[in-house]
All heavy atoms as atom14 arrays in JSON, in Angstrom:
{
  "sequence": "SVPNIPGCVPRTSTLALTNETIKYIKNIVNKGLIEAIKSDFSLAKGIN",
  "atom14_mask": [
    [1, 1, 1, 1, 1, 1, 0, 0, 0, 0, 0, 0, 0, 0],
    [1, 1, 1, 1, 1, 1, 1, 0, 0, 0, 0, 0, 0, 0],
    [1, 1, 1, 1, 1, 1, 1, 0, 0, 0, 0, 0, 0, 0],
    [1, 1, 1, 1, 1, 1, 1, 1, 0, 0, 0, 0, 0, 0],
    [1, 1, 1, 1, 1, 1, 1, 1, 0, 0, 0, 0, 0, 0],
    [1, 1, 1, 1, 1, 1, 1, 0, 0, 0, 0, 0, 0, 0],
    [1, 1, 1, 1, 0, 0, 0, 0, 0, 0, 0, 0, 0, 0],
    [1, 1, 1, 1, 1, 1, 0, 0, 0, 0, 0, 0, 0, 0],
    [1, 1, 1, 1, 1, 1, 1, 0, 0, 0, 0, 0, 0, 0],
    [1, 1, 1, 1, 1, 1, 1, 0, 0, 0, 0, 0, 0, 0],
    [1, 1, 1, 1, 1, 1, 1, 1, 1, 1, 1, 0, 0, 0],
    [1, 1, 1, 1, 1, 1, 1, 0, 0, 0, 0, 0, 0, 0],
    [1, 1, 1, 1, 1, 1, 0, 0, 0, 0, 0, 0, 0, 0],
    [1, 1, 1, 1, 1, 1, 1, 0, 0, 0, 0, 0, 0, 0],
    [1, 1, 1, 1, 1, 1, 1, 1, 0, 0, 0, 0, 0, 0],
    [1, 1, 1, 1, 1, 0, 0, 0, 0, 0, 0, 0, 0, 0],
    [1, 1, 1, 1, 1, 1, 1, 1, 0, 0, 0, 0, 0, 0],
    [1, 1, 1, 1, 1, 1, 1, 0, 0, 0, 0, 0, 0, 0],
    [1, 1, 1, 1, 1, 1, 1, 1, 0, 0, 0, 0, 0, 0],
    [1, 1, 1, 1, 1, 1, 1, 1, 1, 0, 0, 0, 0, 0],
    [1, 1, 1, 1, 1, 1, 1, 0, 0, 0, 0, 0, 0, 0],
    [1, 1, 1, 1, 1, 1, 1, 1, 0, 0, 0, 0, 0, 0],
    [1, 1, 1, 1, 1, 1, 1, 1, 1, 0, 0, 0, 0, 0],
    [1, 1, 1, 1, 1, 1, 1, 1, 1, 1, 1, 1, 0, 0],
    [1, 1, 1, 1, 1, 1, 1, 1, 0, 0, 0, 0, 0, 0],
    [1, 1, 1, 1, 1, 1, 1, 1, 1, 0, 0, 0, 0, 0],
    [1, 1, 1, 1, 1, 1, 1, 1, 0, 0, 0, 0, 0, 0],
    [1, 1, 1, 1, 1, 1, 1, 1, 0, 0, 0, 0, 0, 0],
    [1, 1, 1, 1, 1, 1, 1, 0, 0, 0, 0, 0, 0, 0],
    [1, 1, 1, 1, 1, 1, 1, 1, 0, 0, 0, 0, 0, 0],
    [1, 1, 1, 1, 1, 1, 1, 1, 1, 0, 0, 0, 0, 0],
    [1, 1, 1, 1, 0, 0, 0, 0, 0, 0, 0, 0, 0, 0],
    [1, 1, 1, 1, 1, 1, 1, 1, 0, 0, 0, 0, 0, 0],
    [1, 1, 1, 1, 1, 1, 1, 1, 0, 0, 0, 0, 0, 0],
    [1, 1, 1, 1, 1, 1, 1, 1, 1, 0, 0, 0, 0, 0],
    [1, 1, 1, 1, 1, 0, 0, 0, 0, 0, 0, 0, 0, 0],
    [1, 1, 1, 1, 1, 1, 1, 1, 0, 0, 0, 0, 0, 0],
    [1, 1, 1, 1, 1, 1, 1, 1, 1, 0, 0, 0, 0, 0],
    [1, 1, 1, 1, 1, 1, 0, 0, 0, 0, 0, 0, 0, 0],
    [1, 1, 1, 1, 1, 1, 1, 1, 0, 0, 0, 0, 0, 0],
    [1, 1, 1, 1, 1, 1, 1, 1, 1, 1, 1, 0, 0, 0],
    [1, 1, 1, 1, 1, 1, 0, 0, 0, 0, 0, 0, 0, 0],
    [1, 1, 1, 1, 1, 1, 1, 1, 0, 0, 0, 0, 0, 0],
    [1, 1, 1, 1, 1, 0, 0, 0, 0, 0, 0, 0, 0, 0],
    [1, 1, 1, 1, 1, 1, 1, 1, 1, 0, 0, 0, 0, 0],
    [1, 1, 1, 1, 0, 0, 0, 0, 0, 0, 0, 0, 0, 0],
    [1, 1, 1, 1, 1, 1, 1, 1, 0, 0, 0, 0, 0, 0],
    [1, 1, 1, 1, 1, 1, 1, 1, 0, 0, 0, 0, 0, 0]
  ],
  "atom14_positions": [
    [[124.49, -3.17, 35.12], [125.47, -4.26, 35.04], [124.82, -5.58, 34.63], [124.99, -6.61, 35.27], [126.2, -4.43, 36.38], [125.28, -4.64, 37.44], [0.0, 0.0, 0.0], [0.0, 0.0, 0.0], [0.0, 0.0, 0.0], [0.0, 0.0, 0.0], [0.0, 0.0, 0.0], [0.0, 0.0, 0.0], [0.0, 0.0, 0.0], [0.0, 0.0, 0.0]],
    [[124.07, -5.53, 33.54], [123.44, -6.73, 32.97], [124.44, -7.41, 32.02], [124.92, -6.78, 31.08], [122.16, -6.36, 32.21], [121.56, -7.6, 31.54], [121.14, -5.71, 33.14], [0.0, 0.0, 0.0], [0.0, 0.0, 0.0], [0.0, 0.0, 0.0], [0.0, 0.0, 0.0], [0.0, 0.0, 0.0], [0.0, 0.0, 0.0], [0.0, 0.0, 0.0]],
    [[124.75, -8.68, 32.24], [125.8, -9.32, 31.44], [125.34, -9.83, 30.07], [126.18, -10.19, 29.25], [126.23, -10.5, 32.32], [125.01, -10.84, 33.1], [124.31, -9.53, 33.35], [0.0, 0.0, 0.0], [0.0, 0.0, 0.0], [0.0, 0.0, 0.0], [0.0, 0.0, 0.0], [0.0, 0.0, 0.0], [0.0, 0.0, 0.0], [0.0, 0.0, 0.0]],
    [[124.04, -9.87, 29.83], [123.54, -10.37, 28.54], [122.7, -9.3, 27.85], [121.54, -9.5, 27.53], [122.76, -11.68, 28.71], [121.55, -11.55, 29.63], [121.58, -10.82, 30.61], [120.47, -12.25, 29.31], [0.0, 0.0, 0.0], [0.0, 0.0, 0.0], [0.0, 0.0, 0.0], [0.0, 0.0, 0.0], [0.0, 0.0, 0.0], [0.0, 0.0, 0.0]],
    [[123.32, -8.15, 27.62], [122.61, -7.03, 27.01], [121.91, -7.4, 25.71], [120.75, -7.03, 25.49], [123.57, -5.83, 26.81], [123.93, -5.22, 28.17], [122.95, -4.77, 25.92], [124.96, -4.1, 28.09], [0.0, 0.0, 0.0], [0.0, 0.0, 0.0], [0.0, 0.0, 0.0], [0.0, 0.0, 0.0], [0.0, 0.0, 0.0], [0.0, 0.0, 0.0]],
    [[122.55, -8.14, 24.79], [121.86, -8.45, 23.52], [120.58, -9.25, 23.7], [119.76, -9.32, 22.77], [122.9, -9.25, 22.74], [124.22, -8.8, 23.29], [123.95, -8.6, 24.75], [0.0, 0.0, 0.0], [0.0, 0.0, 0.0], [0.0, 0.0, 0.0], [0.0, 0.0, 0.0], [0.0, 0.0, 0.0], [0.0, 0.0, 0.0], [0.0, 0.0, 0.0]],
    [[120.38, -9.84, 24.87], [119.17, -10.61, 25.12], [117.91, -9.77, 25.1], [116.8, -10.31, 25.0], [0.0, 0.0, 0.0], [0.0, 0.0, 0.0], [0.0, 0.0, 0.0], [0.0, 0.0, 0.0], [0.0, 0.0, 0.0], [0.0, 0.0, 0.0], [0.0, 0.0, 0.0], [0.0, 0.0, 0.0], [0.0, 0.0, 0.0], [0.0, 0.0, 0.0]],
    [[118.03, -8.45, 25.19], [116.83, -7.59, 25.17], [116.34, -7.34, 23.75], [115.25, -6.8, 23.55], [117.08, -6.28, 25.91], [118.21, -5.15, 25.1], [0.0, 0.0, 0.0], [0.0, 0.0, 0.0], [0.0, 0.0, 0.0], [0.0, 0.0, 0.0], [0.0, 0.0, 0.0], [0.0, 0.0, 0.0], [0.0, 0.0, 0.0], [0.0, 0.0, 0.0]],
    [[117.13, -7.72, 22.75], [116.68, -7.65, 21.35], [116.94, -9.03, 20.73], [117.77, -9.2, 19.85], [117.39, -6.52, 20.56], [116.83, -5.17, 20.95], [118.9, -6.53, 20.78], [0.0, 0.0, 0.0], [0.0, 0.0, 0.0], [0.0, 0.0, 0.0], [0.0, 0.0, 0.0], [0.0, 0.0, 0.0], [0.0, 0.0, 0.0], [0.0, 0.0, 0.0]],
    [[116.2, -10.05, 21.2], [116.55, -11.43, 20.89], [116.43, -11.81, 19.42], [117.19, -12.65, 18.94], [115.58, -12.24, 21.76], [114.43, -11.32, 22.02], [115.05, -9.96, 22.12], [0.0, 0.0, 0.0], [0.0, 0.0, 0.0], [0.0, 0.0, 0.0], [0.0, 0.0, 0.0], [0.0, 0.0, 0.0], [0.0, 0.0, 0.0], [0.0, 0.0, 0.0]],
    [[115.47, -11.26, 18.72], [115.31, -11.63, 17.32], [116.55, -11.25, 16.52], [117.16, -12.07, 15.83], [114.07, -10.94, 16.73], [113.82, -11.22, 15.24], [113.17, -12.56, 15.03], [112.86, -12.79, 13.61], [112.14, -13.79, 13.15], [111.66, -14.69, 14.0], [111.91, -13.94, 11.87], [0.0, 0.0, 0.0], [0.0, 0.0, 0.0], [0.0, 0.0, 0.0]],
    [[116.94, -9.98, 16.63], [118.13, -9.51, 15.93], [119.36, -10.3, 16.36], [120.17, -10.74, 15.53], [118.36, -8.01, 16.2], [117.27, -7.26, 15.64], [119.66, -7.52, 15.57], [0.0, 0.0, 0.0], [0.0, 0.0, 0.0], [0.0, 0.0, 0.0], [0.0, 0.0, 0.0], [0.0, 0.0, 0.0], [0.0, 0.0, 0.0], [0.0, 0.0, 0.0]],
    [[119.49, -10.49, 17.66], [120.68, -11.15, 18.2], [120.77, -12.61, 17.77], [121.86, -13.09, 17.42], [120.68, -11.05, 19.73], [120.75, -9.71, 20.15], [0.0, 0.0, 0.0], [0.0, 0.0, 0.0], [0.0, 0.0, 0.0], [0.0, 0.0, 0.0], [0.0, 0.0, 0.0], [0.0, 0.0, 0.0], [0.0, 0.0, 0.0], [0.0, 0.0, 0.0]],
    [[119.66, -13.33, 17.79], [119.66, -14.73, 17.38], [120.04, -14.87, 15.91], [120.87, -15.73, 15.55], [118.29, -15.37, 17.64], [118.1, -15.48, 19.05], [118.19, -16.75, 17.01], [0.0, 0.0, 0.0], [0.0, 0.0, 0.0], [0.0, 0.0, 0.0], [0.0, 0.0, 0.0], [0.0, 0.0, 0.0], [0.0, 0.0, 0.0], [0.0, 0.0, 0.0]],
    [[119.45, -14.04, 15.06], [119.78, -14.1, 13.64], [121.25, -13.79, 13.4], [121.94, -14.48, 12.64], [118.9, -13.12, 12.85], [117.42, -13.52, 12.73], [116.59, -12.33, 12.25], [117.25, -14.7, 11.8], [0.0, 0.0, 0.0], [0.0, 0.0, 0.0], [0.0, 0.0, 0.0], [0.0, 0.0, 0.0], [0.0, 0.0, 0.0], [0.0, 0.0, 0.0]],
    [[121.76, -12.75, 14.07], [123.15, -12.35, 13.88], [124.12, -13.4, 14.4], [125.14, -13.7, 13.75], [123.41, -11.01, 14.58], [0.0, 0.0, 0.0], [0.0, 0.0, 0.0], [0.0, 0.0, 0.0], [0.0, 0.0, 0.0], [0.0, 0.0, 0.0], [0.0, 0.0, 0.0], [0.0, 0.0, 0.0], [0.0, 0.0, 0.0], [0.0, 0.0, 0.0]],
    [[123.8, -14.0, 15.54], [124.69, -15.0, 16.13], [124.73, -16.27, 15.29], [125.81, -16.81, 15.0], [124.25, -15.32, 17.55], [125.17, -16.25, 18.36], [126.57, -15.68, 18.49], [124.58, -16.53, 19.74], [0.0, 0.0, 0.0], [0.0, 0.0, 0.0], [0.0, 0.0, 0.0], [0.0, 0.0, 0.0], [0.0, 0.0, 0.0], [0.0, 0.0, 0.0]],
    [[123.56, -16.74, 14.86], [123.52, -17.97, 14.07], [124.23, -17.81, 12.73], [124.84, -18.77, 12.23], [122.06, -18.42, 13.83], [121.43, -18.62, 15.09], [122.0, -19.72, 13.05], [0.0, 0.0, 0.0], [0.0, 0.0, 0.0], [0.0, 0.0, 0.0], [0.0, 0.0, 0.0], [0.0, 0.0, 0.0], [0.0, 0.0, 0.0], [0.0, 0.0, 0.0]],
    [[124.17, -16.61, 12.18], [124.91, -16.36, 10.93], [126.39, -16.71, 11.06], [127.04, -17.13, 10.1], [124.8, -14.88, 10.53], [123.45, -14.52, 9.95], [122.69, -15.4, 9.58], [123.16, -13.23, 9.88], [0.0, 0.0, 0.0], [0.0, 0.0, 0.0], [0.0, 0.0, 0.0], [0.0, 0.0, 0.0], [0.0, 0.0, 0.0], [0.0, 0.0, 0.0]],
    [[126.93, -16.54, 12.27], [128.36, -16.78, 12.51], [128.65, -18.15, 13.08], [129.68, -18.76, 12.77], [128.92, -15.7, 13.44], [128.78, -14.27, 12.93], [129.56, -14.04, 11.64], [130.57, -14.74, 11.41], [129.14, -13.17, 10.86], [0.0, 0.0, 0.0], [0.0, 0.0, 0.0], [0.0, 0.0, 0.0], [0.0, 0.0, 0.0], [0.0, 0.0, 0.0]],
    [[127.77, -18.66, 13.93], [128.07, -19.94, 14.6], [127.86, -21.16, 13.7], [128.51, -22.19, 13.88], [127.2, -20.14, 15.86], [125.81, -20.09, 15.49], [127.51, -19.08, 16.91], [0.0, 0.0, 0.0], [0.0, 0.0, 0.0], [0.0, 0.0, 0.0], [0.0, 0.0, 0.0], [0.0, 0.0, 0.0], [0.0, 0.0, 0.0], [0.0, 0.0, 0.0]],
    [[126.95, -21.06, 12.74], [126.52, -22.25, 12.01], [127.66, -22.95, 11.28], [127.72, -24.18, 11.24], [125.36, -21.9, 11.04], [124.73, -23.17, 10.47], [125.81, -20.96, 9.95], [124.05, -24.05, 11.5], [0.0, 0.0, 0.0], [0.0, 0.0, 0.0], [0.0, 0.0, 0.0], [0.0, 0.0, 0.0], [0.0, 0.0, 0.0], [0.0, 0.0, 0.0]],
    [[128.61, -22.2, 10.74], [129.71, -22.86, 10.01], [130.6, -23.66, 10.95], [131.13, -24.72, 10.58], [130.53, -21.83, 9.24], [131.2, -20.77, 10.07], [131.84, -19.7, 9.19], [132.43, -18.57, 10.02], [132.94, -17.47, 9.16], [0.0, 0.0, 0.0], [0.0, 0.0, 0.0], [0.0, 0.0, 0.0], [0.0, 0.0, 0.0], [0.0, 0.0, 0.0]],
    [[130.75, -23.18, 12.19], [131.56, -23.93, 13.17], [130.81, -25.18, 13.62], [131.41, -26.25, 13.79], [131.88, -23.04, 14.37], [132.84, -21.92, 14.05], [132.38, -20.64, 13.77], [134.21, -22.15, 13.99], [133.26, -19.62, 13.45], [135.1, -21.13, 13.69], [134.62, -19.86, 13.41], [135.49, -18.85, 13.09], [0.0, 0.0, 0.0], [0.0, 0.0, 0.0]],
    [[129.5, -25.04, 13.83], [128.71, -26.2, 14.24], [128.75, -27.27, 13.16], [128.95, -28.46, 13.43], [127.25, -25.77, 14.54], [127.21, -24.78, 15.7], [126.4, -27.0, 14.87], [125.87, -24.07, 15.86], [0.0, 0.0, 0.0], [0.0, 0.0, 0.0], [0.0, 0.0, 0.0], [0.0, 0.0, 0.0], [0.0, 0.0, 0.0], [0.0, 0.0, 0.0]],
    [[128.56, -26.86, 11.9], [128.62, -27.82, 10.79], [129.98, -28.51, 10.72], [130.06, -29.72, 10.47], [128.34, -27.11, 9.47], [126.89, -26.75, 9.24], [126.71, -26.06, 7.88], [125.26, -25.76, 7.58], [125.11, -25.06, 6.27], [0.0, 0.0, 0.0], [0.0, 0.0, 0.0], [0.0, 0.0, 0.0], [0.0, 0.0, 0.0], [0.0, 0.0, 0.0]],
    [[131.03, -27.75, 10.93], [132.38, -28.32, 10.88], [132.55, -29.41, 11.93], [133.07, -30.49, 11.66], [133.4, -27.2, 11.09], [134.81, -27.59, 10.66], [135.01, -28.59, 9.98], [135.79, -26.79, 11.04], [0.0, 0.0, 0.0], [0.0, 0.0, 0.0], [0.0, 0.0, 0.0], [0.0, 0.0, 0.0], [0.0, 0.0, 0.0], [0.0, 0.0, 0.0]],
    [[132.06, -29.14, 13.15], [132.2, -30.11, 14.24], [131.37, -31.36, 13.99], [131.85, -32.49, 14.12], [131.79, -29.46, 15.59], [132.76, -28.34, 15.96], [131.76, -30.52, 16.7], [132.27, -27.46, 17.1], [0.0, 0.0, 0.0], [0.0, 0.0, 0.0], [0.0, 0.0, 0.0], [0.0, 0.0, 0.0], [0.0, 0.0, 0.0], [0.0, 0.0, 0.0]],
    [[130.09, -31.17, 13.63], [129.2, -32.33, 13.54], [129.45, -33.15, 12.28], [129.17, -34.36, 12.26], [127.72, -31.92, 13.65], [127.45, -31.21, 14.96], [127.28, -31.05, 12.47], [0.0, 0.0, 0.0], [0.0, 0.0, 0.0], [0.0, 0.0, 0.0], [0.0, 0.0, 0.0], [0.0, 0.0, 0.0], [0.0, 0.0, 0.0], [0.0, 0.0, 0.0]],
    [[129.97, -32.54, 11.25], [130.2, -33.28, 10.01], [131.57, -33.94, 9.95], [131.73, -35.01, 9.35], [130.02, -32.36, 8.8], [128.57, -31.93, 8.61], [127.65, -32.6, 9.04], [128.37, -30.79, 7.97], [0.0, 0.0, 0.0], [0.0, 0.0, 0.0], [0.0, 0.0, 0.0], [0.0, 0.0, 0.0], [0.0, 0.0, 0.0], [0.0, 0.0, 0.0]],
    [[132.57, -33.32, 10.6], [133.93, -33.87, 10.57], [134.31, -34.61, 11.84], [135.24, -35.4, 11.85], [134.96, -32.75, 10.35], [134.92, -32.09, 8.99], [136.03, -31.04, 8.89], [136.05, -30.36, 7.54], [137.13, -29.32, 7.47], [0.0, 0.0, 0.0], [0.0, 0.0, 0.0], [0.0, 0.0, 0.0], [0.0, 0.0, 0.0], [0.0, 0.0, 0.0]],
    [[133.61, -34.32, 12.94], [134.05, -34.79, 14.24], [134.94, -33.73, 14.87], [135.59, -32.94, 14.17], [0.0, 0.0, 0.0], [0.0, 0.0, 0.0], [0.0, 0.0, 0.0], [0.0, 0.0, 0.0], [0.0, 0.0, 0.0], [0.0, 0.0, 0.0], [0.0, 0.0, 0.0], [0.0, 0.0, 0.0], [0.0, 0.0, 0.0], [0.0, 0.0, 0.0]],
    [[134.98, -33.71, 16.2], [135.66, -32.63, 16.92], [137.13, -32.5, 16.56], [137.62, -31.41, 16.23], [135.51, -32.82, 18.43], [136.21, -31.77, 19.29], [135.57, -30.41, 19.11], [136.2, -32.18, 20.76], [0.0, 0.0, 0.0], [0.0, 0.0, 0.0], [0.0, 0.0, 0.0], [0.0, 0.0, 0.0], [0.0, 0.0, 0.0], [0.0, 0.0, 0.0]],
    [[137.87, -33.59, 16.62], [139.32, -33.52, 16.43], [139.68, -33.03, 15.03], [140.52, -32.13, 14.86], [139.99, -34.89, 16.71], [139.7, -35.33, 18.14], [141.49, -34.8, 16.47], [140.15, -34.36, 19.22], [0.0, 0.0, 0.0], [0.0, 0.0, 0.0], [0.0, 0.0, 0.0], [0.0, 0.0, 0.0], [0.0, 0.0, 0.0], [0.0, 0.0, 0.0]],
    [[139.04, -33.58, 14.01], [139.34, -33.13, 12.65], [138.92, -31.69, 12.45], [139.6, -30.94, 11.74], [138.64, -34.04, 11.63], [139.27, -35.39, 11.46], [140.77, -35.29, 11.14], [141.13, -34.54, 10.22], [141.57, -35.97, 11.81], [0.0, 0.0, 0.0], [0.0, 0.0, 0.0], [0.0, 0.0, 0.0], [0.0, 0.0, 0.0], [0.0, 0.0, 0.0]],
    [[137.81, -31.3, 13.07], [137.37, -29.91, 12.97], [138.39, -28.96, 13.59], [138.72, -27.91, 13.02], [136.01, -29.74, 13.64], [0.0, 0.0, 0.0], [0.0, 0.0, 0.0], [0.0, 0.0, 0.0], [0.0, 0.0, 0.0], [0.0, 0.0, 0.0], [0.0, 0.0, 0.0], [0.0, 0.0, 0.0], [0.0, 0.0, 0.0], [0.0, 0.0, 0.0]],
    [[138.91, -29.34, 14.75], [139.92, -28.51, 15.42], [141.18, -28.42, 14.57], [141.74, -27.33, 14.39], [140.26, -29.1, 16.81], [139.08, -28.99, 17.76], [141.48, -28.39, 17.41], [139.28, -29.73, 19.07], [0.0, 0.0, 0.0], [0.0, 0.0, 0.0], [0.0, 0.0, 0.0], [0.0, 0.0, 0.0], [0.0, 0.0, 0.0], [0.0, 0.0, 0.0]],
    [[141.62, -29.55, 14.06], [142.87, -29.57, 13.29], [142.75, -28.78, 11.98], [143.75, -28.27, 11.47], [143.27, -31.01, 12.99], [143.76, -31.76, 14.23], [144.19, -33.19, 13.89], [144.76, -33.9, 15.11], [145.18, -35.29, 14.81], [0.0, 0.0, 0.0], [0.0, 0.0, 0.0], [0.0, 0.0, 0.0], [0.0, 0.0, 0.0], [0.0, 0.0, 0.0]],
    [[141.53, -28.66, 11.46], [141.35, -27.96, 10.19], [141.04, -26.48, 10.36], [140.96, -25.75, 9.37], [140.21, -28.62, 9.39], [138.97, -28.42, 10.03], [0.0, 0.0, 0.0], [0.0, 0.0, 0.0], [0.0, 0.0, 0.0], [0.0, 0.0, 0.0], [0.0, 0.0, 0.0], [0.0, 0.0, 0.0], [0.0, 0.0, 0.0], [0.0, 0.0, 0.0]],
    [[140.86, -26.04, 11.61], [140.44, -24.66, 11.82], [141.11, -24.09, 13.06], [140.73, -24.39, 14.19], [138.91, -24.59, 11.96], [138.37, -23.16, 12.0], [139.15, -22.23, 12.25], [137.16, -22.99, 11.77], [0.0, 0.0, 0.0], [0.0, 0.0, 0.0], [0.0, 0.0, 0.0], [0.0, 0.0, 0.0], [0.0, 0.0, 0.0], [0.0, 0.0, 0.0]],
    [[142.12, -23.24, 12.84], [142.86, -22.62, 13.94], [141.93, -21.89, 14.9], [142.1, -21.96, 16.12], [143.88, -21.63, 13.35], [144.56, -20.75, 14.37], [145.74, -21.16, 15.0], [144.03, -19.51, 14.7], [146.36, -20.34, 15.93], [144.66, -18.68, 15.64], [145.82, -19.11, 16.25], [0.0, 0.0, 0.0], [0.0, 0.0, 0.0], [0.0, 0.0, 0.0]],
    [[140.95, -21.17, 14.36], [140.09, -20.35, 15.21], [139.25, -21.21, 16.15], [139.02, -20.83, 17.31], [139.19, -19.45, 14.36], [138.34, -20.2, 13.52], [0.0, 0.0, 0.0], [0.0, 0.0, 0.0], [0.0, 0.0, 0.0], [0.0, 0.0, 0.0], [0.0, 0.0, 0.0], [0.0, 0.0, 0.0], [0.0, 0.0, 0.0], [0.0, 0.0, 0.0]],
    [[138.8, -22.37, 15.68], [138.02, -23.27, 16.53], [138.89, -23.81, 17.66], [138.44, -23.92, 18.81], [137.44, -24.41, 15.7], [136.55, -25.4, 16.44], [135.34, -24.71, 17.05], [136.11, -26.52, 15.5], [0.0, 0.0, 0.0], [0.0, 0.0, 0.0], [0.0, 0.0, 0.0], [0.0, 0.0, 0.0], [0.0, 0.0, 0.0], [0.0, 0.0, 0.0]],
    [[140.12, -24.13, 17.35], [141.05, -24.6, 18.39], [141.2, -23.56, 19.5], [141.28, -23.9, 20.69], [142.41, -24.92, 17.77], [0.0, 0.0, 0.0], [0.0, 0.0, 0.0], [0.0, 0.0, 0.0], [0.0, 0.0, 0.0], [0.0, 0.0, 0.0], [0.0, 0.0, 0.0], [0.0, 0.0, 0.0], [0.0, 0.0, 0.0], [0.0, 0.0, 0.0]],
    [[141.22, -22.29, 19.14], [141.33, -21.22, 20.14], [140.1, -21.15, 21.03], [140.15, -20.63, 22.14], [141.52, -19.87, 19.44], [142.84, -19.72, 18.71], [144.0, -19.46, 19.66], [144.0, -18.04, 20.18], [145.2, -17.76, 21.0], [0.0, 0.0, 0.0], [0.0, 0.0, 0.0], [0.0, 0.0, 0.0], [0.0, 0.0, 0.0], [0.0, 0.0, 0.0]],
    [[138.99, -21.69, 20.52], [137.75, -21.65, 21.3], [137.67, -22.7, 22.38], [136.84, -22.59, 23.3], [0.0, 0.0, 0.0], [0.0, 0.0, 0.0], [0.0, 0.0, 0.0], [0.0, 0.0, 0.0], [0.0, 0.0, 0.0], [0.0, 0.0, 0.0], [0.0, 0.0, 0.0], [0.0, 0.0, 0.0], [0.0, 0.0, 0.0], [0.0, 0.0, 0.0]],
    [[138.51, -23.75, 22.32], [138.44, -24.83, 23.31], [138.95, -24.3, 24.66], [140.09, -23.9, 24.8], [139.3, -26.04, 22.89], [138.94, -26.51, 21.48], [139.14, -27.17, 23.92], [137.57, -27.08, 21.33], [0.0, 0.0, 0.0], [0.0, 0.0, 0.0], [0.0, 0.0, 0.0], [0.0, 0.0, 0.0], [0.0, 0.0, 0.0], [0.0, 0.0, 0.0]],
    [[138.07, -24.33, 25.67], [138.44, -23.86, 27.01], [138.74, -25.01, 27.97], [139.6, -24.88, 28.84], [137.33, -22.98, 27.58], [137.36, -21.56, 27.09], [136.98, -20.62, 27.78], [137.82, -21.35, 25.85], [0.0, 0.0, 0.0], [0.0, 0.0, 0.0], [0.0, 0.0, 0.0], [0.0, 0.0, 0.0], [0.0, 0.0, 0.0], [0.0, 0.0, 0.0]]
  ]
}
């Protein structure tokens, strides 16, 4: 019952995760949070 299974193969996991997260990070830091949310439905779903 380990909750962070991908952590045991960190190199693969880091590369794979960054491939997907980077576009969202760029959207937030370059546009600002509100504009990023308004321009991307999927990012809005991520706000908890």
